[in-house]
Amino acid sequence: MKSLRFSRFRGPKILTKLGVRIIFLQCLAAPGIALIASFLLGSIIHPSNFYNYKWTCGTVHLPSISRIMNMPMERTIFHLLILTTVPLRLIVLFKHWLVFYVLNSSWMVLVTKRLLVLFGFGEVLFLSLLTVIGERENGSVHVVLFSIFVAFSYFYFCTLHLLSKWTHKRSDSEQRTIKLQLICLTAVTFTIPLIFLLFIFHNVFCIPGSYELFALFEYITLAAIYGFHASSLKMMSGMIYVYHTSIKLRSIRL
């Protein structure tokens, strides 16, 4: 007796594959390229907007990070490089979660892993908002977004450092990673309160030189944040495969 058997018409096909480390390096490079390109562009084309310009309490001599990223031409560079890497940054966050997910966890590690995801997502979200809503749109909202972004970044770093310290096997490379994390985390622990204090000194009390110190410590804070992110390079292994598969069935007469 004849019968019909159904089988898949076409099996899964790999469309492309992406290295997690390549994705991480793209996320790491984008802010640095955006900042350096914007700084050089502004310094060459309109230096009067970056140096010796009028601000709240008179003339200031250095641009803040917010000013560099929110000038009319420079902001286009930031929008292009920062916002296009948002999906990639979420992949990096997911990879961080996977690194610690497979480990046998105590309740403390479990809570810290969940906080890692929360703070990491908040960092990506508020970096995006901070890029879109600059000083030109609304200065007060920009300051609030910057404050929230810094807070999420700081606690994200704390949770990532704790998980690395608790779970790494302590090889030489892992010890270097933990030390770099600790150095960068210690740096931002001191510089973050300092930049807020210097911001108040300038905008409320108009203390001479406070804005220049604010800008300098903002640069140092950004470098420490960048260094902390770079410390995760060793964790970024593996590949992402993108498949295509058909759900069509074909009949075979037996």
Protein backbone atom coordinates (compact mmCIF):
# COMPACT_ATOMS: atom_id res chain seq x y z
CA MET A 1 0.00 0.00 0.00
CA LYS A 2 1.28 3.38 -0.96
CA SER A 3 1.81 5.97 1.73
CA LEU A 4 3.16 9.49 2.08
CA ARG A 5 6.07 10.56 4.21
CA PHE A 6 6.72 14.23 4.88
CA SER A 7 10.23 15.56 5.32
CA ARG A 8 11.78 18.99 5.62
CA PHE A 9 12.23 20.62 2.22
CA ARG A 10 15.42 22.42 3.19
CA GLY A 11 17.61 22.13 6.25
CA PRO A 12 19.08 25.01 8.27
CA LYS A 13 21.56 27.17 6.41
CA ILE A 14 24.15 29.43 8.02
CA LEU A 15 23.67 32.94 6.66
CA THR A 16 26.55 34.52 8.53
CA LYS A 17 28.64 34.20 11.64
CA LEU A 18 30.00 36.92 13.88
CA GLY A 19 32.85 36.76 16.34
CA VAL A 20 31.89 37.99 19.80
CA ARG A 21 35.33 39.57 20.20
CA ILE A 22 34.89 41.51 16.93
CA ILE A 23 31.54 42.80 18.18
CA PHE A 24 33.14 43.81 21.47
CA LEU A 25 35.98 45.63 19.71
CA GLN A 26 33.46 47.54 17.59
CA CYS A 27 31.62 48.63 20.73
CA LEU A 28 34.92 49.61 22.32
CA ALA A 29 36.20 51.53 19.31
CA ALA A 30 33.05 53.49 18.46
CA PRO A 31 33.03 55.93 21.43
CA GLY A 32 36.78 56.52 21.18
CA ILE A 33 36.64 57.21 17.45
CA ALA A 34 33.60 59.47 17.89
CA LEU A 35 35.25 61.49 20.65
CA ILE A 36 38.64 61.85 18.95
CA ALA A 37 37.09 62.70 15.57
CA SER A 38 34.75 65.27 17.12
CA PHE A 39 37.55 66.83 19.16
CA LEU A 40 39.84 67.15 16.13
CA LEU A 41 37.04 68.42 13.92
CA GLY A 42 36.02 71.10 16.41
CA SER A 43 39.60 72.12 17.16
CA ILE A 44 40.32 72.66 13.46
CA ILE A 45 37.05 74.09 12.14
CA HIS A 46 35.73 76.18 15.04
CA PRO A 47 38.31 76.34 17.86
CA SER A 48 36.58 79.39 19.35
CA ASN A 49 33.74 77.08 20.41
CA PHE A 50 36.14 74.76 22.23
CA TYR A 51 38.69 77.10 23.77
CA ASN A 52 38.37 80.47 25.49
CA TYR A 53 34.59 80.67 25.07
CA LYS A 54 31.96 82.39 27.20
CA TRP A 55 30.09 80.18 29.64
CA THR A 56 28.00 80.54 32.79
CA CYS A 57 30.51 82.47 34.89
CA GLY A 58 32.67 84.04 32.20
CA THR A 59 35.39 82.68 29.91
CA VAL A 60 36.43 79.03 30.18
CA HIS A 61 39.39 77.46 28.42
CA LEU A 62 38.58 73.76 27.92
CA PRO A 63 35.55 71.97 26.44
CA SER A 64 33.60 69.45 28.48
CA ILE A 65 32.76 66.05 27.02
CA SER A 66 29.15 67.16 26.63
CA ARG A 67 30.23 70.19 24.62
CA ILE A 68 32.46 68.10 22.36
CA MET A 69 29.68 65.63 21.57
CA ASN A 70 26.85 68.16 21.13
CA MET A 71 28.19 70.78 18.75
CA PRO A 72 26.16 70.80 15.47
CA MET A 73 28.62 68.89 13.28
CA GLU A 74 30.16 66.77 16.01
CA ARG A 75 26.87 65.39 17.24
CA THR A 76 26.27 63.76 13.85
CA ILE A 77 29.41 61.69 14.39
CA PHE A 78 28.26 60.67 17.87
CA HIS A 79 24.75 59.78 16.70
CA LEU A 80 26.12 57.62 13.91
CA LEU A 81 28.77 55.75 15.90
CA ILE A 82 27.07 55.47 19.30
CA LEU A 83 23.48 54.70 18.34
CA THR A 84 24.39 52.15 15.67
CA THR A 85 26.34 50.12 18.24
CA VAL A 86 23.45 49.88 20.74
CA PRO A 87 22.36 46.38 19.55
CA LEU A 88 26.00 45.26 19.68
CA ARG A 89 26.38 46.56 23.24
CA LEU A 90 23.35 44.47 24.24
CA ILE A 91 25.06 41.40 22.74
CA VAL A 92 28.16 42.17 24.85
CA LEU A 93 25.96 42.47 27.94
CA PHE A 94 24.36 39.11 27.12
CA LYS A 95 27.83 37.57 26.74
CA HIS A 96 28.81 38.89 30.18
CA TRP A 97 25.70 37.26 31.61
CA LEU A 98 26.52 33.96 29.87
CA VAL A 99 30.06 33.95 31.28
CA PHE A 100 28.70 33.83 34.82
CA TYR A 101 25.40 32.02 34.13
CA VAL A 102 26.95 28.57 33.75
CA LEU A 103 28.66 28.70 37.13
CA ASN A 104 27.38 27.07 40.28
CA SER A 105 26.00 30.07 42.11
CA SER A 106 25.25 31.03 45.66
CA TRP A 107 22.33 33.36 46.32
CA MET A 108 24.72 36.32 46.46
CA VAL A 109 26.16 35.53 43.03
CA LEU A 110 22.64 35.03 41.67
CA VAL A 111 21.49 38.45 42.89
CA THR A 112 24.67 40.09 41.60
CA LYS A 113 24.16 38.55 38.14
CA ARG A 114 20.66 39.98 37.95
CA LEU A 115 21.92 43.38 39.04
CA LEU A 116 24.63 43.12 36.37
CA VAL A 117 21.96 42.81 33.67
CA LEU A 118 19.86 45.62 35.17
CA PHE A 119 22.73 48.09 35.50
CA GLY A 120 24.23 47.09 32.15
CA PHE A 121 20.95 47.66 30.34
CA GLY A 122 20.51 50.99 32.15
CA GLU A 123 23.99 52.07 31.06
CA VAL A 124 23.20 51.35 27.39
CA LEU A 125 19.79 53.03 27.61
CA PHE A 126 20.98 56.25 29.24
CA LEU A 127 24.05 56.49 27.03
CA SER A 128 21.65 56.47 24.07
CA LEU A 129 19.41 59.12 25.66
CA LEU A 130 22.46 61.18 26.61
CA THR A 131 23.62 61.11 23.01
CA VAL A 132 20.26 62.23 21.62
CA ILE A 133 19.32 64.83 24.26
CA GLY A 134 22.28 67.16 24.56
CA GLU A 135 22.91 70.56 26.10
CA ARG A 136 21.43 72.24 23.02
CA GLU A 137 18.06 70.52 23.47
CA ASN A 138 17.73 70.83 27.24
CA GLY A 139 20.70 71.47 29.48
CA SER A 140 18.95 70.48 32.72
CA VAL A 141 17.65 67.19 31.32
CA HIS A 142 21.10 66.48 29.87
CA VAL A 143 22.71 66.89 33.31
CA VAL A 144 20.13 64.54 34.85
CA LEU A 145 20.68 61.93 32.13
CA PHE A 146 24.44 62.21 32.58
CA SER A 147 24.10 61.68 36.33
CA ILE A 148 21.91 58.60 35.86
CA PHE A 149 24.25 57.21 33.20
CA VAL A 150 27.26 57.62 35.51
CA ALA A 151 25.39 55.90 38.36
CA PHE A 152 24.37 52.93 36.20
CA SER A 153 27.91 52.65 34.80
CA TYR A 154 29.45 52.70 38.26
CA PHE A 155 27.20 50.00 39.70
CA TYR A 156 27.55 47.93 36.53
CA PHE A 157 31.32 48.04 37.02
CA CYS A 158 30.94 47.07 40.69
CA THR A 159 28.82 44.01 39.89
CA LEU A 160 31.08 42.93 37.02
CA HIS A 161 34.19 43.28 39.19
CA LEU A 162 32.63 41.29 42.03
CA LEU A 163 31.54 38.48 39.71
CA SER A 164 34.99 38.38 38.11
CA LYS A 165 36.64 38.27 41.52
CA TRP A 166 34.34 35.55 42.85
CA THR A 167 34.37 33.23 39.86
CA HIS A 168 37.65 33.53 37.93
CA LYS A 169 40.18 30.70 38.33
CA ARG A 170 42.94 33.25 38.98
CA SER A 171 45.27 32.55 36.07
CA ASP A 172 47.82 35.26 35.32
CA SER A 173 45.61 36.87 32.66
CA GLU A 174 42.55 36.77 34.91
CA GLN A 175 44.50 38.36 37.76
CA ARG A 176 45.58 41.16 35.40
CA THR A 177 41.95 41.64 34.39
CA ILE A 178 40.83 41.91 38.01
CA LYS A 179 43.66 44.35 38.82
CA LEU A 180 42.79 46.57 35.83
CA GLN A 181 39.13 46.53 36.85
CA LEU A 182 40.07 47.50 40.40
CA ILE A 183 42.34 50.35 39.25
CA CYS A 184 39.67 51.80 36.96
CA LEU A 185 36.93 51.30 39.55
CA THR A 186 39.03 53.05 42.21
CA ALA A 187 39.71 55.93 39.82
CA VAL A 188 36.04 56.59 39.05
CA THR A 189 35.16 56.23 42.75
CA PHE A 190 37.25 59.36 43.36
CA THR A 191 36.67 61.28 40.13
CA ILE A 192 32.88 60.99 39.82
CA PRO A 193 32.11 62.86 43.07
CA LEU A 194 34.87 65.33 42.21
CA ILE A 195 33.45 66.30 38.82
CA PHE A 196 30.02 66.91 40.34
CA LEU A 197 31.60 69.02 43.08
CA LEU A 198 33.61 71.06 40.56
CA PHE A 199 30.49 71.49 38.42
CA ILE A 200 28.72 73.03 41.43
CA PHE A 201 31.75 75.21 42.22
CA HIS A 202 31.58 76.70 38.74
CA ASN A 203 27.84 76.97 38.14
CA VAL A 204 26.81 78.03 41.65
CA PHE A 205 29.82 79.78 43.16
CA CYS A 206 31.70 80.83 39.98
CA ILE A 207 35.08 79.81 41.44
CA PRO A 208 37.85 80.60 38.90
CA GLY A 209 39.49 77.55 37.33
CA SER A 210 36.82 75.14 38.57
CA TYR A 211 35.41 74.51 35.09
CA GLU A 212 38.83 73.66 33.67
CA LEU A 213 39.39 71.20 36.52
CA PHE A 214 35.90 69.83 35.91
CA ALA A 215 36.76 69.19 32.25
CA LEU A 216 40.13 67.59 33.09
CA PHE A 217 38.64 65.19 35.65
CA GLU A 218 35.83 64.43 33.22
CA TYR A 219 38.48 63.32 30.72
CA ILE A 220 40.12 61.14 33.40
CA THR A 221 36.75 59.62 34.33
CA LEU A 222 36.03 58.80 30.71
CA ALA A 223 39.46 57.19 30.32
CA ALA A 224 38.84 55.05 33.43
CA ILE A 225 35.41 53.99 32.14
CA TYR A 226 36.98 53.10 28.81
CA GLY A 227 39.73 51.13 30.53
CA PHE A 228 37.24 49.15 32.59
CA HIS A 229 35.30 48.16 29.50
CA ALA A 230 38.55 47.16 27.79
CA SER A 231 39.34 44.78 30.66
CA SER A 232 36.55 42.46 29.45
CA LEU A 233 38.37 41.60 26.22
CA LYS A 234 39.50 38.18 27.52
CA MET A 235 35.91 37.20 28.27
CA MET A 236 34.72 37.89 24.73
CA SER A 237 35.15 34.51 23.07
CA GLY A 238 32.84 32.46 20.89
CA MET A 239 30.79 32.97 17.74
CA ILE A 240 27.25 34.02 16.91
CA TYR A 241 25.65 32.05 14.07
CA VAL A 242 22.71 33.41 12.08
CA TYR A 243 20.63 30.61 10.57
CA HIS A 244 17.89 30.49 8.00
CA THR A 245 15.59 27.50 7.87
CA SER A 246 12.47 26.76 5.86
CA ILE A 247 9.32 25.36 7.41
CA LYS A 248 8.11 24.08 4.04
CA LEU A 249 7.52 20.35 3.78
CA ARG A 250 7.68 18.14 0.76
CA SER A 251 5.90 14.83 0.25
CA ILE A 252 7.65 11.66 -0.81
CA ARG A 253 5.50 8.90 -2.25
CA LEU A 254 6.50 5.47 -1.02
